Amino acid sequence: MYNALLVSHNLLRWVVLILILVTIFKGFSGWSGSKTYTKGDDKLRLFSVLSVHIQLIIGIVLYFISPITKMFMNNFSDAVKDSSIRFFGMEHSIMMIIAVVLITIGSAKAKRKIEDKKKFRTLAIWFTIALLIMLASIPWEFSPMASRPNFRGF
């Protein structure tokens, strides 16, 4: 089960990133171009938020069954000195939760806005901040702290 969840979490990362990037792009283009906020834009917002929340749920389950986080919790004083273990035990999870909260808040705020330009602006700003946090918190293949493959197989 652990491996299947890990692969799912890895693959869903790309769906989340694509949806967030498209939402940000549409947000900035709608904001700067004074476009009409359509049902399609609202569905994109919703799918972006849903994918992020599904990713969060999988991540929370992984957190509690991962051998890395078990080692982190059982040997905290030593584990915080190891950047790779600390990354997965603390940094990755905290930063991703912050990003999910920002996306959730941004989505809720945009949904409540009346003017289309303000909806786009709200999505663009909140989702961009969240994306920057996500990009800094993903264990990329080139990451010096905790490198992982960009695509993990079953």
N, C-alpha and C. Protein backbone atom coordinates (compact mmCIF):
# COMPACT_ATOMS: atom_id res chain seq x y z
N MET A 1 0.82 -1.19 0.00
CA MET A 1 0.00 0.00 0.00
C MET A 1 0.87 1.26 0.00
N TYR A 2 1.94 1.22 0.78
CA TYR A 2 2.82 2.39 0.87
C TYR A 2 3.36 2.77 -0.51
N ASN A 3 3.86 1.79 -1.24
CA ASN A 3 4.44 2.08 -2.56
C ASN A 3 3.39 2.63 -3.52
N ALA A 4 2.19 2.06 -3.51
CA ALA A 4 1.12 2.55 -4.40
C ALA A 4 0.75 4.00 -4.07
N LEU A 5 0.67 4.31 -2.80
CA LEU A 5 0.37 5.69 -2.39
C LEU A 5 1.51 6.64 -2.77
N LEU A 6 2.73 6.18 -2.61
CA LEU A 6 3.89 7.00 -2.94
C LEU A 6 3.92 7.31 -4.44
N VAL A 7 3.65 6.31 -5.27
CA VAL A 7 3.60 6.52 -6.72
C VAL A 7 2.44 7.44 -7.08
N SER A 8 1.29 7.22 -6.47
CA SER A 8 0.12 8.07 -6.73
C SER A 8 0.40 9.52 -6.34
N HIS A 9 1.03 9.71 -5.20
CA HIS A 9 1.37 11.05 -4.72
C HIS A 9 2.34 11.71 -5.70
N ASN A 10 3.29 10.94 -6.20
CA ASN A 10 4.27 11.45 -7.15
C ASN A 10 3.61 11.84 -8.47
N LEU A 11 2.75 10.99 -8.99
CA LEU A 11 2.11 11.28 -10.28
C LEU A 11 1.08 12.40 -10.18
N LEU A 12 0.33 12.42 -9.08
CA LEU A 12 -0.67 13.47 -8.90
C LEU A 12 -0.01 14.84 -8.76
N ARG A 13 1.24 14.86 -8.34
CA ARG A 13 1.99 16.12 -8.25
C ARG A 13 1.94 16.86 -9.59
N TRP A 14 2.09 16.11 -10.67
CA TRP A 14 2.12 16.73 -12.00
C TRP A 14 0.76 17.27 -12.39
N VAL A 15 -0.30 16.56 -12.04
CA VAL A 15 -1.66 17.04 -12.31
C VAL A 15 -1.90 18.33 -11.54
N VAL A 16 -1.53 18.33 -10.27
CA VAL A 16 -1.70 19.51 -9.42
C VAL A 16 -0.93 20.69 -10.00
N LEU A 17 0.33 20.47 -10.33
CA LEU A 17 1.15 21.57 -10.86
C LEU A 17 0.58 22.12 -12.16
N ILE A 18 0.14 21.25 -13.05
CA ILE A 18 -0.43 21.71 -14.32
C ILE A 18 -1.70 22.51 -14.08
N LEU A 19 -2.60 22.00 -13.23
CA LEU A 19 -3.85 22.72 -12.95
C LEU A 19 -3.58 24.07 -12.29
N ILE A 20 -2.65 24.11 -11.35
CA ILE A 20 -2.32 25.37 -10.67
C ILE A 20 -1.70 26.35 -11.67
N LEU A 21 -0.79 25.87 -12.50
CA LEU A 21 -0.18 26.74 -13.50
C LEU A 21 -1.21 27.30 -14.48
N VAL A 22 -2.12 26.46 -14.95
CA VAL A 22 -3.15 26.92 -15.88
C VAL A 22 -4.06 27.94 -15.19
N THR A 23 -4.40 27.67 -13.93
CA THR A 23 -5.25 28.60 -13.18
C THR A 23 -4.55 29.95 -13.01
N ILE A 24 -3.26 29.91 -12.70
CA ILE A 24 -2.49 31.15 -12.55
C ILE A 24 -2.43 31.90 -13.88
N PHE A 25 -2.14 31.17 -14.95
CA PHE A 25 -2.07 31.80 -16.27
C PHE A 25 -3.41 32.46 -16.62
N LYS A 26 -4.50 31.71 -16.42
CA LYS A 26 -5.83 32.27 -16.72
C LYS A 26 -6.12 33.44 -15.78
N GLY A 27 -5.66 33.35 -14.54
CA GLY A 27 -5.87 34.44 -13.59
C GLY A 27 -5.20 35.72 -14.04
N PHE A 28 -3.91 35.61 -14.40
CA PHE A 28 -3.19 36.81 -14.83
C PHE A 28 -3.71 37.34 -16.16
N SER A 29 -4.04 36.43 -17.08
CA SER A 29 -4.55 36.92 -18.37
C SER A 29 -5.95 37.52 -18.23
N GLY A 30 -6.77 36.96 -17.37
CA GLY A 30 -8.10 37.54 -17.13
C GLY A 30 -8.02 38.86 -16.40
N TRP A 31 -7.09 38.96 -15.48
CA TRP A 31 -6.89 40.18 -14.70
C TRP A 31 -6.36 41.31 -15.59
N SER A 32 -5.35 41.02 -16.37
CA SER A 32 -4.76 42.07 -17.20
C SER A 32 -5.58 42.37 -18.45
N GLY A 33 -6.34 41.37 -18.92
CA GLY A 33 -7.11 41.57 -20.14
C GLY A 33 -8.56 41.91 -19.91
N SER A 34 -8.95 42.08 -18.67
CA SER A 34 -10.34 42.39 -18.32
C SER A 34 -11.31 41.42 -19.00
N LYS A 35 -11.02 40.12 -18.87
CA LYS A 35 -11.86 39.10 -19.49
C LYS A 35 -13.04 38.75 -18.59
N THR A 36 -13.99 38.04 -19.15
CA THR A 36 -15.15 37.58 -18.39
C THR A 36 -14.80 36.26 -17.70
N TYR A 37 -15.15 36.18 -16.43
CA TYR A 37 -14.94 34.96 -15.65
C TYR A 37 -16.07 34.00 -16.00
N THR A 38 -15.72 32.87 -16.63
CA THR A 38 -16.72 31.94 -17.16
C THR A 38 -16.93 30.75 -16.23
N LYS A 39 -17.91 29.92 -16.57
CA LYS A 39 -18.11 28.68 -15.83
C LYS A 39 -16.89 27.77 -15.97
N GLY A 40 -16.24 27.82 -17.13
CA GLY A 40 -15.01 27.05 -17.34
C GLY A 40 -13.90 27.49 -16.39
N ASP A 41 -13.79 28.79 -16.17
CA ASP A 41 -12.80 29.32 -15.23
C ASP A 41 -13.12 28.84 -13.81
N ASP A 42 -14.40 28.83 -13.49
CA ASP A 42 -14.80 28.38 -12.16
C ASP A 42 -14.55 26.88 -11.98
N LYS A 43 -14.77 26.10 -13.03
CA LYS A 43 -14.49 24.66 -12.96
C LYS A 43 -12.99 24.42 -12.81
N LEU A 44 -12.19 25.20 -13.50
CA LEU A 44 -10.73 25.07 -13.38
C LEU A 44 -10.31 25.37 -11.94
N ARG A 45 -10.86 26.42 -11.36
CA ARG A 45 -10.58 26.76 -9.96
C ARG A 45 -10.94 25.59 -9.05
N LEU A 46 -12.13 25.03 -9.28
CA LEU A 46 -12.61 23.93 -8.45
C LEU A 46 -11.74 22.69 -8.61
N PHE A 47 -11.40 22.32 -9.84
CA PHE A 47 -10.56 21.13 -10.07
C PHE A 47 -9.16 21.33 -9.49
N SER A 48 -8.65 22.54 -9.55
CA SER A 48 -7.35 22.83 -8.95
C SER A 48 -7.39 22.59 -7.45
N VAL A 49 -8.42 23.11 -6.81
CA VAL A 49 -8.56 22.96 -5.36
C VAL A 49 -8.79 21.49 -4.99
N LEU A 50 -9.63 20.81 -5.74
CA LEU A 50 -9.89 19.39 -5.46
C LEU A 50 -8.63 18.55 -5.60
N SER A 51 -7.86 18.80 -6.64
CA SER A 51 -6.63 18.02 -6.83
C SER A 51 -5.63 18.27 -5.71
N VAL A 52 -5.54 19.51 -5.27
CA VAL A 52 -4.64 19.84 -4.16
C VAL A 52 -5.09 19.16 -2.87
N HIS A 53 -6.40 19.12 -2.63
CA HIS A 53 -6.90 18.47 -1.42
C HIS A 53 -6.74 16.96 -1.47
N ILE A 54 -6.93 16.36 -2.62
CA ILE A 54 -6.68 14.91 -2.76
C ILE A 54 -5.21 14.63 -2.51
N GLN A 55 -4.35 15.46 -3.08
CA GLN A 55 -2.91 15.31 -2.87
C GLN A 55 -2.57 15.44 -1.38
N LEU A 56 -3.21 16.36 -0.70
CA LEU A 56 -2.99 16.54 0.74
C LEU A 56 -3.39 15.29 1.51
N ILE A 57 -4.54 14.73 1.19
CA ILE A 57 -5.01 13.53 1.90
C ILE A 57 -4.03 12.37 1.70
N ILE A 58 -3.60 12.17 0.47
CA ILE A 58 -2.62 11.10 0.21
C ILE A 58 -1.33 11.39 0.98
N GLY A 59 -0.91 12.64 0.98
CA GLY A 59 0.30 13.03 1.70
C GLY A 59 0.19 12.79 3.20
N ILE A 60 -0.97 13.07 3.78
CA ILE A 60 -1.16 12.84 5.22
C ILE A 60 -1.09 11.35 5.54
N VAL A 61 -1.72 10.54 4.71
CA VAL A 61 -1.65 9.09 4.92
C VAL A 61 -0.20 8.63 4.81
N LEU A 62 0.50 9.09 3.78
CA LEU A 62 1.91 8.73 3.61
C LEU A 62 2.75 9.16 4.81
N TYR A 63 2.45 10.32 5.33
CA TYR A 63 3.21 10.84 6.46
C TYR A 63 3.17 9.86 7.64
N PHE A 64 2.02 9.28 7.87
CA PHE A 64 1.88 8.42 9.04
C PHE A 64 2.29 6.97 8.80
N ILE A 65 2.52 6.59 7.55
CA ILE A 65 2.97 5.21 7.30
C ILE A 65 4.39 5.15 6.74
N SER A 66 4.99 6.28 6.46
CA SER A 66 6.33 6.33 5.88
C SER A 66 7.40 5.93 6.89
N PRO A 67 8.33 5.08 6.45
CA PRO A 67 9.44 4.74 7.35
C PRO A 67 10.33 5.95 7.66
N ILE A 68 10.40 6.89 6.73
CA ILE A 68 11.22 8.09 6.97
C ILE A 68 10.62 8.94 8.08
N THR A 69 9.31 9.16 8.04
CA THR A 69 8.70 9.99 9.09
C THR A 69 8.61 9.24 10.42
N LYS A 70 8.52 7.93 10.36
CA LYS A 70 8.56 7.16 11.61
C LYS A 70 9.92 7.33 12.28
N MET A 71 10.98 7.28 11.46
CA MET A 71 12.32 7.49 11.99
C MET A 71 12.44 8.91 12.54
N PHE A 72 11.86 9.87 11.83
CA PHE A 72 11.89 11.26 12.27
C PHE A 72 11.22 11.41 13.63
N MET A 73 10.05 10.82 13.79
CA MET A 73 9.31 10.96 15.05
C MET A 73 9.96 10.19 16.20
N ASN A 74 10.55 9.04 15.90
CA ASN A 74 11.15 8.22 16.95
C ASN A 74 12.54 8.69 17.37
N ASN A 75 13.22 9.41 16.53
CA ASN A 75 14.58 9.88 16.82
C ASN A 75 14.70 11.37 16.49
N PHE A 76 13.80 12.15 17.04
CA PHE A 76 13.69 13.55 16.66
C PHE A 76 15.00 14.32 16.78
N SER A 77 15.70 14.20 17.91
CA SER A 77 16.91 15.01 18.13
C SER A 77 18.00 14.70 17.11
N ASP A 78 18.12 13.45 16.70
CA ASP A 78 19.10 13.10 15.67
C ASP A 78 18.56 13.38 14.27
N ALA A 79 17.28 13.15 14.09
CA ALA A 79 16.67 13.29 12.76
C ALA A 79 16.69 14.73 12.25
N VAL A 80 16.53 15.71 13.12
CA VAL A 80 16.53 17.10 12.67
C VAL A 80 17.90 17.54 12.18
N LYS A 81 18.94 16.80 12.51
CA LYS A 81 20.28 17.12 12.04
C LYS A 81 20.54 16.57 10.63
N ASP A 82 19.71 15.63 10.19
CA ASP A 82 19.83 15.04 8.86
C ASP A 82 18.85 15.76 7.93
N SER A 83 19.38 16.51 6.95
CA SER A 83 18.52 17.36 6.12
C SER A 83 17.47 16.57 5.35
N SER A 84 17.77 15.38 4.89
CA SER A 84 16.81 14.59 4.12
C SER A 84 15.65 14.12 5.00
N ILE A 85 15.98 13.62 6.18
CA ILE A 85 14.93 13.16 7.10
C ILE A 85 14.12 14.33 7.61
N ARG A 86 14.79 15.43 7.94
CA ARG A 86 14.08 16.63 8.41
C ARG A 86 13.16 17.19 7.33
N PHE A 87 13.62 17.12 6.08
CA PHE A 87 12.81 17.62 4.97
C PHE A 87 11.47 16.91 4.92
N PHE A 88 11.48 15.57 4.96
CA PHE A 88 10.22 14.83 4.88
C PHE A 88 9.47 14.80 6.20
N GLY A 89 10.18 14.84 7.29
CA GLY A 89 9.52 14.80 8.59
C GLY A 89 8.89 16.11 9.01
N MET A 90 9.42 17.21 8.47
CA MET A 90 8.92 18.50 8.95
C MET A 90 8.72 19.51 7.81
N GLU A 91 9.75 19.81 7.06
CA GLU A 91 9.71 20.92 6.12
C GLU A 91 8.70 20.72 4.99
N HIS A 92 8.76 19.58 4.32
CA HIS A 92 7.87 19.29 3.20
C HIS A 92 6.41 19.36 3.64
N SER A 93 6.10 18.69 4.71
CA SER A 93 4.70 18.62 5.15
C SER A 93 4.17 19.98 5.61
N ILE A 94 4.94 20.72 6.37
CA ILE A 94 4.49 22.03 6.85
C ILE A 94 4.30 23.00 5.69
N MET A 95 5.26 23.05 4.80
CA MET A 95 5.18 23.98 3.67
C MET A 95 4.03 23.62 2.73
N MET A 96 3.80 22.34 2.52
CA MET A 96 2.70 21.94 1.64
C MET A 96 1.34 22.24 2.28
N ILE A 97 1.24 22.06 3.57
CA ILE A 97 -0.01 22.41 4.25
C ILE A 97 -0.26 23.91 4.12
N ILE A 98 0.78 24.72 4.27
CA ILE A 98 0.63 26.16 4.09
C ILE A 98 0.17 26.47 2.67
N ALA A 99 0.76 25.82 1.67
CA ALA A 99 0.36 26.04 0.27
C ALA A 99 -1.10 25.65 0.05
N VAL A 100 -1.53 24.53 0.61
CA VAL A 100 -2.92 24.10 0.46
C VAL A 100 -3.86 25.10 1.12
N VAL A 101 -3.49 25.60 2.27
CA VAL A 101 -4.31 26.61 2.96
C VAL A 101 -4.42 27.86 2.10
N LEU A 102 -3.32 28.30 1.52
CA LEU A 102 -3.34 29.50 0.67
C LEU A 102 -4.22 29.29 -0.56
N ILE A 103 -4.14 28.12 -1.17
CA ILE A 103 -4.99 27.83 -2.33
C ILE A 103 -6.45 27.79 -1.92
N THR A 104 -6.73 27.21 -0.79
CA THR A 104 -8.11 27.12 -0.31
C THR A 104 -8.66 28.52 -0.01
N ILE A 105 -7.88 29.34 0.66
CA ILE A 105 -8.31 30.71 0.96
C ILE A 105 -8.49 31.51 -0.33
N GLY A 106 -7.52 31.41 -1.22
CA GLY A 106 -7.60 32.14 -2.49
C GLY A 106 -8.81 31.73 -3.30
N SER A 107 -9.09 30.45 -3.32
CA SER A 107 -10.26 29.95 -4.04
C SER A 107 -11.55 30.49 -3.42
N ALA A 108 -11.65 30.43 -2.11
CA ALA A 108 -12.85 30.91 -1.42
C ALA A 108 -13.04 32.41 -1.62
N LYS A 109 -11.95 33.16 -1.54
CA LYS A 109 -12.04 34.61 -1.74
C LYS A 109 -12.46 34.94 -3.17
N ALA A 110 -11.87 34.23 -4.14
CA ALA A 110 -12.21 34.48 -5.55
C ALA A 110 -13.67 34.15 -5.82
N LYS A 111 -14.13 33.08 -5.23
CA LYS A 111 -15.52 32.65 -5.44
C LYS A 111 -16.51 33.71 -4.95
N ARG A 112 -16.14 34.42 -3.90
CA ARG A 112 -17.03 35.42 -3.31
C ARG A 112 -17.00 36.78 -4.01
N LYS A 113 -15.98 36.99 -4.82
CA LYS A 113 -15.87 38.28 -5.51
C LYS A 113 -16.99 38.42 -6.54
N ILE A 114 -17.45 39.62 -6.72
CA ILE A 114 -18.52 39.91 -7.69
C ILE A 114 -17.92 40.23 -9.06
N GLU A 115 -16.92 41.10 -9.08
CA GLU A 115 -16.32 41.53 -10.34
C GLU A 115 -15.36 40.47 -10.88
N ASP A 116 -15.45 40.24 -12.18
CA ASP A 116 -14.62 39.23 -12.83
C ASP A 116 -13.13 39.53 -12.66
N LYS A 117 -12.75 40.78 -12.84
CA LYS A 117 -11.34 41.17 -12.74
C LYS A 117 -10.79 40.86 -11.35
N LYS A 118 -11.60 41.07 -10.32
CA LYS A 118 -11.17 40.78 -8.95
C LYS A 118 -11.07 39.27 -8.70
N LYS A 119 -11.95 38.50 -9.33
CA LYS A 119 -11.86 37.03 -9.21
C LYS A 119 -10.53 36.55 -9.78
N PHE A 120 -10.23 37.02 -11.00
CA PHE A 120 -8.98 36.63 -11.64
C PHE A 120 -7.76 37.08 -10.83
N ARG A 121 -7.79 38.32 -10.35
CA ARG A 121 -6.67 38.85 -9.57
C ARG A 121 -6.45 38.03 -8.30
N THR A 122 -7.53 37.72 -7.62
CA THR A 122 -7.43 36.94 -6.38
C THR A 122 -6.82 35.57 -6.64
N LEU A 123 -7.31 34.89 -7.67
CA LEU A 123 -6.75 33.58 -8.01
C LEU A 123 -5.27 33.70 -8.38
N ALA A 124 -4.95 34.69 -9.20
CA ALA A 124 -3.57 34.85 -9.66
C ALA A 124 -2.62 35.06 -8.48
N ILE A 125 -2.98 35.92 -7.58
CA ILE A 125 -2.08 36.26 -6.46
C ILE A 125 -1.96 35.10 -5.48
N TRP A 126 -3.08 34.60 -4.98
CA TRP A 126 -3.04 33.54 -3.96
C TRP A 126 -2.43 32.25 -4.50
N PHE A 127 -2.80 31.87 -5.71
CA PHE A 127 -2.28 30.63 -6.28
C PHE A 127 -0.79 30.75 -6.62
N THR A 128 -0.33 31.93 -7.02
CA THR A 128 1.09 32.12 -7.32
C THR A 128 1.93 31.99 -6.05
N ILE A 129 1.48 32.59 -4.98
CA ILE A 129 2.21 32.47 -3.71
C ILE A 129 2.26 31.01 -3.29
N ALA A 130 1.13 30.32 -3.39
CA ALA A 130 1.09 28.90 -3.02
C ALA A 130 2.00 28.07 -3.93
N LEU A 131 2.00 28.37 -5.22
CA LEU A 131 2.84 27.63 -6.15
C LEU A 131 4.32 27.80 -5.82
N LEU A 132 4.73 28.99 -5.48
CA LEU A 132 6.14 29.22 -5.12
C LEU A 132 6.54 28.39 -3.89
N ILE A 133 5.65 28.32 -2.93
CA ILE A 133 5.91 27.50 -1.74
C ILE A 133 5.96 26.02 -2.14
N MET A 134 5.04 25.59 -2.98
CA MET A 134 5.03 24.19 -3.44
C MET A 134 6.33 23.85 -4.17
N LEU A 135 6.73 24.71 -5.09
CA LEU A 135 7.93 24.43 -5.88
C LEU A 135 9.18 24.32 -5.00
N ALA A 136 9.22 25.12 -3.94
CA ALA A 136 10.34 25.06 -3.00
C ALA A 136 10.28 23.83 -2.11
N SER A 137 9.12 23.21 -2.02
CA SER A 137 8.92 22.10 -1.07
C SER A 137 8.82 20.73 -1.73
N ILE A 138 8.90 20.68 -3.03
CA ILE A 138 8.83 19.40 -3.73
C ILE A 138 10.22 18.77 -3.75
N PRO A 139 10.31 17.49 -3.46
CA PRO A 139 11.62 16.82 -3.51
C PRO A 139 12.02 16.51 -4.96
N TRP A 140 12.51 17.51 -5.65
CA TRP A 140 12.90 17.36 -7.05
C TRP A 140 14.09 16.44 -7.19
N GLU A 141 14.28 15.94 -8.37
CA GLU A 141 15.41 15.07 -8.67
C GLU A 141 16.74 15.79 -8.42
N PHE A 142 16.77 17.09 -8.63
CA PHE A 142 17.99 17.89 -8.47
C PHE A 142 18.12 18.52 -7.09
N SER A 143 17.17 18.23 -6.21
CA SER A 143 17.17 18.85 -4.88
C SER A 143 18.36 18.39 -4.05
N PRO A 144 19.10 19.32 -3.46
CA PRO A 144 20.25 18.92 -2.64
C PRO A 144 19.85 18.31 -1.30
N MET A 145 18.66 18.66 -0.79
CA MET A 145 18.25 18.16 0.52
C MET A 145 17.64 16.77 0.47
N ALA A 146 16.76 16.55 -0.48
CA ALA A 146 16.02 15.28 -0.48
C ALA A 146 15.62 14.93 -1.91
N SER A 147 16.57 14.56 -2.72
CA SER A 147 16.23 14.30 -4.11
C SER A 147 15.44 12.99 -4.24
N ARG A 148 14.45 13.04 -5.09
CA ARG A 148 13.61 11.89 -5.42
C ARG A 148 13.38 11.93 -6.92
N PRO A 149 13.08 10.79 -7.53
CA PRO A 149 12.84 10.82 -8.98
C PRO A 149 11.62 11.67 -9.33
N ASN A 150 11.70 12.37 -10.46
CA ASN A 150 10.58 13.19 -10.88
C ASN A 150 9.37 12.34 -11.26
N PHE A 151 9.64 11.13 -11.77
CA PHE A 151 8.57 10.19 -12.08
C PHE A 151 8.90 8.86 -11.43
N ARG A 152 8.07 8.44 -10.51
CA ARG A 152 8.29 7.21 -9.77
C ARG A 152 7.42 6.12 -10.35
N GLY A 153 8.00 4.96 -10.63
CA GLY A 153 7.23 3.84 -11.18
C GLY A 153 6.69 2.91 -10.10
N PHE A 154 5.72 2.10 -10.47
CA PHE A 154 5.14 1.14 -9.52
C PHE A 154 6.08 0.00 -9.24
